[in-house]
Protein backbone atom coordinates (compact mmCIF):
# COMPACT_ATOMS: atom_id res chain seq x y z
CA UNK A 1 164.96 101.40 238.70
CA UNK A 2 166.59 103.07 235.74
CA UNK A 3 165.46 102.69 232.24
CA UNK A 4 168.36 101.31 231.03
CA UNK A 5 167.79 98.29 233.47
CA UNK A 6 164.62 97.65 232.68
CA UNK A 7 164.57 94.44 230.84
CA UNK A 8 162.34 91.00 229.96
CA UNK A 9 163.60 89.55 233.15
CA UNK A 10 163.00 92.27 235.42
CA UNK A 11 159.33 92.72 234.05
CA UNK A 12 158.79 88.23 234.70
CA UNK A 13 160.29 89.02 238.06
CA UNK A 14 158.02 92.09 238.86
CA UNK A 15 154.64 89.53 238.23
CA UNK A 16 156.15 86.95 239.21
CA UNK A 17 156.55 88.85 243.23
CA UNK A 18 152.85 90.28 242.94
CA UNK A 19 151.43 86.70 241.51
CA UNK A 20 150.68 85.65 245.44
CA UNK A 21 149.09 88.90 246.26
CA UNK A 22 146.88 89.91 243.45
CA UNK A 23 144.83 88.88 240.65
CA UNK A 24 146.21 88.76 237.03
CA UNK A 25 144.07 91.68 235.82
CA UNK A 26 145.31 94.19 238.47
CA UNK A 27 149.11 93.09 237.45
CA UNK A 28 148.22 93.89 233.87
CA UNK A 29 146.51 97.04 234.71
CA UNK A 30 149.84 97.83 236.69
CA UNK A 31 151.72 96.75 233.45
CA UNK A 32 149.46 99.09 231.60
CA UNK A 33 150.53 102.10 233.98
CA UNK A 34 154.21 101.31 233.89
CA UNK A 35 153.91 101.20 229.90
CA UNK A 36 152.98 104.52 229.32
CA UNK A 37 155.27 106.07 232.08
CA UNK A 38 157.85 104.96 230.17
CA UNK A 39 156.28 105.89 226.81
CA UNK A 40 156.04 109.30 227.91
CA UNK A 41 158.93 109.49 229.48
CA UNK A 42 160.73 108.53 226.27
CA UNK A 43 158.73 111.25 224.41
CA UNK A 44 159.90 113.96 226.95
CA UNK A 45 163.23 112.52 226.33
CA UNK A 46 164.24 111.67 229.85
CA UNK A 47 165.27 108.55 228.39
CA UNK A 48 167.13 108.28 225.24
């Protein structure tokens, strides 16, 4: 998925698709990793 295509609905869809399989804490950890990756992508100018 391109960074430009990421929106709140995509995040909520991801959370909803994971919820039946993992605990909420796992989802929060995964989102924290994604947040770090996207922050680095912006810092490294992969996403403008």
